[in-house]
């Protein structure tokens, strides 16, 4: 039985659909998709019942959040003590 804080719809949830889509999407589809990808990774890293997906999502999310472009854009929007 899945833990109460885990997604009970996995793998039929929207996050898995986004995971599959963006894993093979053409580059032009990724251009404005960072917020969707980040939200998907955040959800999977916290709620996915499959530890392999959780771990991979955590790593990818850290890569996004540690990129210089992420910090600059977030500061521009008023985050991170800008």
N, C-alpha and C. Protein backbone atom coordinates (compact mmCIF):
# COMPACT_ATOMS: atom_id res chain seq x y z
N UNK A 1 0.85 -1.20 0.00
CA UNK A 1 0.00 0.00 0.00
C UNK A 1 0.88 1.25 0.00
N UNK A 2 0.48 2.21 -0.79
CA UNK A 2 1.25 3.46 -0.91
C UNK A 2 1.11 4.30 0.36
N UNK A 3 2.16 5.06 0.65
CA UNK A 3 2.11 5.98 1.79
C UNK A 3 1.08 7.07 1.50
N UNK A 4 0.45 7.62 2.54
CA UNK A 4 -0.58 8.65 2.32
C UNK A 4 -0.07 9.90 1.60
N UNK A 5 1.22 10.22 1.74
CA UNK A 5 1.75 11.42 1.10
C UNK A 5 2.26 11.15 -0.31
N UNK A 6 2.09 9.94 -0.81
CA UNK A 6 2.51 9.59 -2.16
C UNK A 6 1.33 9.70 -3.12
N UNK A 7 1.64 9.93 -4.38
CA UNK A 7 0.62 10.06 -5.42
C UNK A 7 -0.04 8.71 -5.66
N UNK A 8 -1.34 8.66 -5.53
CA UNK A 8 -2.08 7.41 -5.72
C UNK A 8 -2.48 7.20 -7.18
N UNK A 9 -2.27 8.19 -8.00
CA UNK A 9 -2.63 8.07 -9.42
C UNK A 9 -1.45 7.65 -10.29
N UNK A 10 -0.24 7.70 -9.75
CA UNK A 10 0.96 7.33 -10.51
C UNK A 10 0.82 5.92 -11.04
N UNK A 11 1.08 5.66 -12.28
CA UNK A 11 1.67 6.49 -13.31
C UNK A 11 0.65 7.15 -14.23
N UNK A 12 -0.61 7.15 -13.84
CA UNK A 12 -1.65 7.74 -14.69
C UNK A 12 -1.89 9.22 -14.36
N UNK A 13 -0.98 9.85 -13.65
CA UNK A 13 -1.15 11.25 -13.25
C UNK A 13 -0.59 12.21 -14.31
N UNK A 14 -0.92 13.47 -14.15
CA UNK A 14 -0.46 14.51 -15.08
C UNK A 14 1.06 14.64 -15.03
N UNK A 15 1.65 14.50 -13.87
CA UNK A 15 3.11 14.64 -13.77
C UNK A 15 3.82 13.59 -14.61
N UNK A 16 3.33 12.37 -14.61
CA UNK A 16 3.95 11.33 -15.43
C UNK A 16 3.76 11.64 -16.91
N UNK A 17 2.61 12.20 -17.27
CA UNK A 17 2.37 12.59 -18.67
C UNK A 17 3.37 13.67 -19.08
N UNK A 18 3.57 14.66 -18.22
CA UNK A 18 4.55 15.72 -18.50
C UNK A 18 5.95 15.14 -18.56
N UNK A 19 6.27 14.24 -17.65
CA UNK A 19 7.59 13.60 -17.62
C UNK A 19 7.87 12.94 -18.97
N UNK A 20 6.92 12.14 -19.43
CA UNK A 20 7.10 11.43 -20.70
C UNK A 20 7.18 12.40 -21.88
N UNK A 21 6.33 13.41 -21.87
CA UNK A 21 6.30 14.36 -22.98
C UNK A 21 7.61 15.15 -23.07
N UNK A 22 8.01 15.77 -21.96
CA UNK A 22 9.19 16.65 -22.01
C UNK A 22 10.49 15.87 -22.13
N UNK A 23 10.50 14.60 -21.81
CA UNK A 23 11.70 13.78 -21.98
C UNK A 23 12.06 13.61 -23.46
N UNK A 24 11.05 13.72 -24.32
CA UNK A 24 11.29 13.51 -25.76
C UNK A 24 10.84 14.70 -26.61
N UNK A 25 10.47 15.79 -25.97
CA UNK A 25 9.95 16.95 -26.70
C UNK A 25 11.04 17.63 -27.52
N UNK A 26 10.67 18.19 -28.67
CA UNK A 26 11.63 18.97 -29.44
C UNK A 26 12.06 20.21 -28.64
N UNK A 27 13.25 20.70 -28.91
CA UNK A 27 13.80 21.83 -28.15
C UNK A 27 12.88 23.05 -28.15
N UNK A 28 12.21 23.31 -29.25
CA UNK A 28 11.34 24.50 -29.28
C UNK A 28 10.16 24.38 -28.31
N UNK A 29 9.81 23.18 -27.89
CA UNK A 29 8.73 23.00 -26.90
C UNK A 29 9.24 23.25 -25.49
N UNK A 30 10.53 23.24 -25.30
CA UNK A 30 11.12 23.44 -23.98
C UNK A 30 11.35 24.91 -23.66
N UNK A 31 11.32 25.74 -24.68
CA UNK A 31 11.68 27.14 -24.53
C UNK A 31 10.94 27.86 -23.41
N UNK A 32 9.63 27.71 -23.34
CA UNK A 32 8.83 28.39 -22.32
C UNK A 32 8.25 27.42 -21.29
N UNK A 33 8.77 26.22 -21.23
CA UNK A 33 8.18 25.19 -20.39
C UNK A 33 8.84 25.04 -19.02
N UNK A 34 9.82 25.86 -18.71
CA UNK A 34 10.55 25.68 -17.45
C UNK A 34 9.64 25.67 -16.22
N UNK A 35 8.64 26.56 -16.11
CA UNK A 35 7.77 26.49 -14.93
C UNK A 35 7.00 25.16 -14.83
N UNK A 36 6.55 24.66 -15.96
CA UNK A 36 5.83 23.38 -15.96
C UNK A 36 6.77 22.24 -15.59
N UNK A 37 7.95 22.26 -16.18
CA UNK A 37 8.93 21.20 -15.89
C UNK A 37 9.34 21.25 -14.43
N UNK A 38 9.57 22.44 -13.91
CA UNK A 38 9.98 22.57 -12.51
C UNK A 38 8.87 22.10 -11.57
N UNK A 39 7.63 22.45 -11.84
CA UNK A 39 6.52 22.00 -11.00
C UNK A 39 6.36 20.49 -11.07
N UNK A 40 6.54 19.94 -12.26
CA UNK A 40 6.46 18.49 -12.44
C UNK A 40 7.54 17.79 -11.64
N UNK A 41 8.77 18.27 -11.75
CA UNK A 41 9.88 17.67 -11.01
C UNK A 41 9.68 17.80 -9.51
N UNK A 42 9.18 18.93 -9.06
CA UNK A 42 8.95 19.14 -7.63
C UNK A 42 7.91 18.14 -7.10
N UNK A 43 6.84 17.95 -7.85
CA UNK A 43 5.80 17.01 -7.43
C UNK A 43 6.34 15.59 -7.41
N UNK A 44 7.01 15.20 -8.48
CA UNK A 44 7.54 13.84 -8.56
C UNK A 44 8.57 13.60 -7.47
N UNK A 45 9.43 14.58 -7.22
CA UNK A 45 10.48 14.40 -6.21
C UNK A 45 9.91 14.25 -4.81
N UNK A 46 8.72 14.75 -4.57
CA UNK A 46 8.09 14.66 -3.25
C UNK A 46 7.05 13.55 -3.13
N UNK A 47 6.30 13.32 -4.20
CA UNK A 47 5.10 12.48 -4.05
C UNK A 47 5.11 11.17 -4.83
N UNK A 48 6.05 10.97 -5.72
CA UNK A 48 6.04 9.77 -6.55
C UNK A 48 6.28 8.52 -5.70
N UNK A 49 5.50 7.48 -5.91
CA UNK A 49 5.71 6.25 -5.14
C UNK A 49 6.92 5.44 -5.61
N UNK A 50 7.47 5.77 -6.77
CA UNK A 50 8.62 5.06 -7.32
C UNK A 50 9.90 5.81 -6.94
N UNK A 51 10.69 5.23 -6.08
CA UNK A 51 11.88 5.90 -5.57
C UNK A 51 12.85 6.28 -6.69
N UNK A 52 12.91 5.51 -7.74
CA UNK A 52 13.82 5.83 -8.85
C UNK A 52 13.42 7.14 -9.51
N UNK A 53 12.12 7.36 -9.72
CA UNK A 53 11.65 8.63 -10.30
C UNK A 53 11.85 9.77 -9.32
N UNK A 54 11.58 9.53 -8.03
CA UNK A 54 11.78 10.59 -7.02
C UNK A 54 13.23 11.07 -7.02
N UNK A 55 14.16 10.13 -7.00
CA UNK A 55 15.57 10.50 -6.95
C UNK A 55 16.00 11.23 -8.23
N UNK A 56 15.59 10.73 -9.37
CA UNK A 56 15.97 11.38 -10.63
C UNK A 56 15.37 12.80 -10.70
N UNK A 57 14.13 12.94 -10.27
CA UNK A 57 13.49 14.26 -10.29
C UNK A 57 14.20 15.22 -9.34
N UNK A 58 14.63 14.74 -8.18
CA UNK A 58 15.35 15.59 -7.23
C UNK A 58 16.64 16.11 -7.85
N UNK A 59 17.36 15.25 -8.52
CA UNK A 59 18.62 15.64 -9.16
C UNK A 59 18.37 16.67 -10.25
N UNK A 60 17.37 16.43 -11.09
CA UNK A 60 17.08 17.37 -12.18
C UNK A 60 16.60 18.70 -11.64
N UNK A 61 15.81 18.68 -10.59
CA UNK A 61 15.32 19.92 -9.98
C UNK A 61 16.48 20.73 -9.40
N UNK A 62 17.41 20.07 -8.75
CA UNK A 62 18.59 20.76 -8.23
C UNK A 62 19.41 21.39 -9.34
N UNK A 63 19.53 20.70 -10.46
CA UNK A 63 20.27 21.24 -11.60
C UNK A 63 19.60 22.51 -12.12
N UNK A 64 18.29 22.49 -12.23
CA UNK A 64 17.55 23.67 -12.70
C UNK A 64 17.73 24.82 -11.71
N UNK A 65 17.55 24.54 -10.44
CA UNK A 65 17.58 25.60 -9.43
C UNK A 65 18.97 26.14 -9.18
N UNK A 66 20.00 25.40 -9.55
CA UNK A 66 21.36 25.89 -9.34
C UNK A 66 21.94 26.57 -10.58
N UNK A 67 21.16 26.62 -11.66
CA UNK A 67 21.67 27.26 -12.87
C UNK A 67 21.67 28.78 -12.70
N UNK A 68 22.67 29.47 -13.27
CA UNK A 68 22.73 30.93 -13.16
C UNK A 68 21.49 31.62 -13.73
N UNK A 69 20.93 31.10 -14.80
CA UNK A 69 19.74 31.72 -15.39
C UNK A 69 18.55 31.65 -14.45
N UNK A 70 18.41 30.56 -13.74
CA UNK A 70 17.30 30.41 -12.79
C UNK A 70 17.39 31.48 -11.72
N UNK A 71 18.55 31.64 -11.14
CA UNK A 71 18.74 32.64 -10.07
C UNK A 71 18.46 34.05 -10.58
N UNK A 72 18.97 34.39 -11.76
CA UNK A 72 18.78 35.74 -12.30
C UNK A 72 17.30 36.01 -12.54
N UNK A 73 16.59 35.06 -13.14
CA UNK A 73 15.18 35.25 -13.43
C UNK A 73 14.37 35.33 -12.15
N UNK A 74 14.70 34.51 -11.16
CA UNK A 74 13.96 34.50 -9.91
C UNK A 74 14.16 35.81 -9.15
N UNK A 75 15.38 36.32 -9.15
CA UNK A 75 15.65 37.60 -8.50
C UNK A 75 14.89 38.72 -9.19
N UNK A 76 14.85 38.66 -10.52
CA UNK A 76 14.13 39.67 -11.30
C UNK A 76 12.65 39.69 -10.93
N UNK A 77 12.10 38.55 -10.57
CA UNK A 77 10.68 38.45 -10.23
C UNK A 77 10.43 38.73 -8.75
N UNK A 78 11.47 39.07 -7.99
CA UNK A 78 11.27 39.45 -6.59
C UNK A 78 11.56 38.36 -5.59
N UNK A 79 12.16 37.27 -6.01
CA UNK A 79 12.47 36.18 -5.08
C UNK A 79 13.91 36.22 -4.62
N UNK A 80 14.26 35.33 -3.71
CA UNK A 80 15.62 35.18 -3.20
C UNK A 80 16.22 36.48 -2.68
N UNK A 81 15.48 37.19 -1.90
CA UNK A 81 15.98 38.43 -1.29
C UNK A 81 16.54 39.41 -2.30
N UNK A 82 15.82 39.61 -3.38
CA UNK A 82 16.34 40.48 -4.44
C UNK A 82 16.38 41.93 -4.03
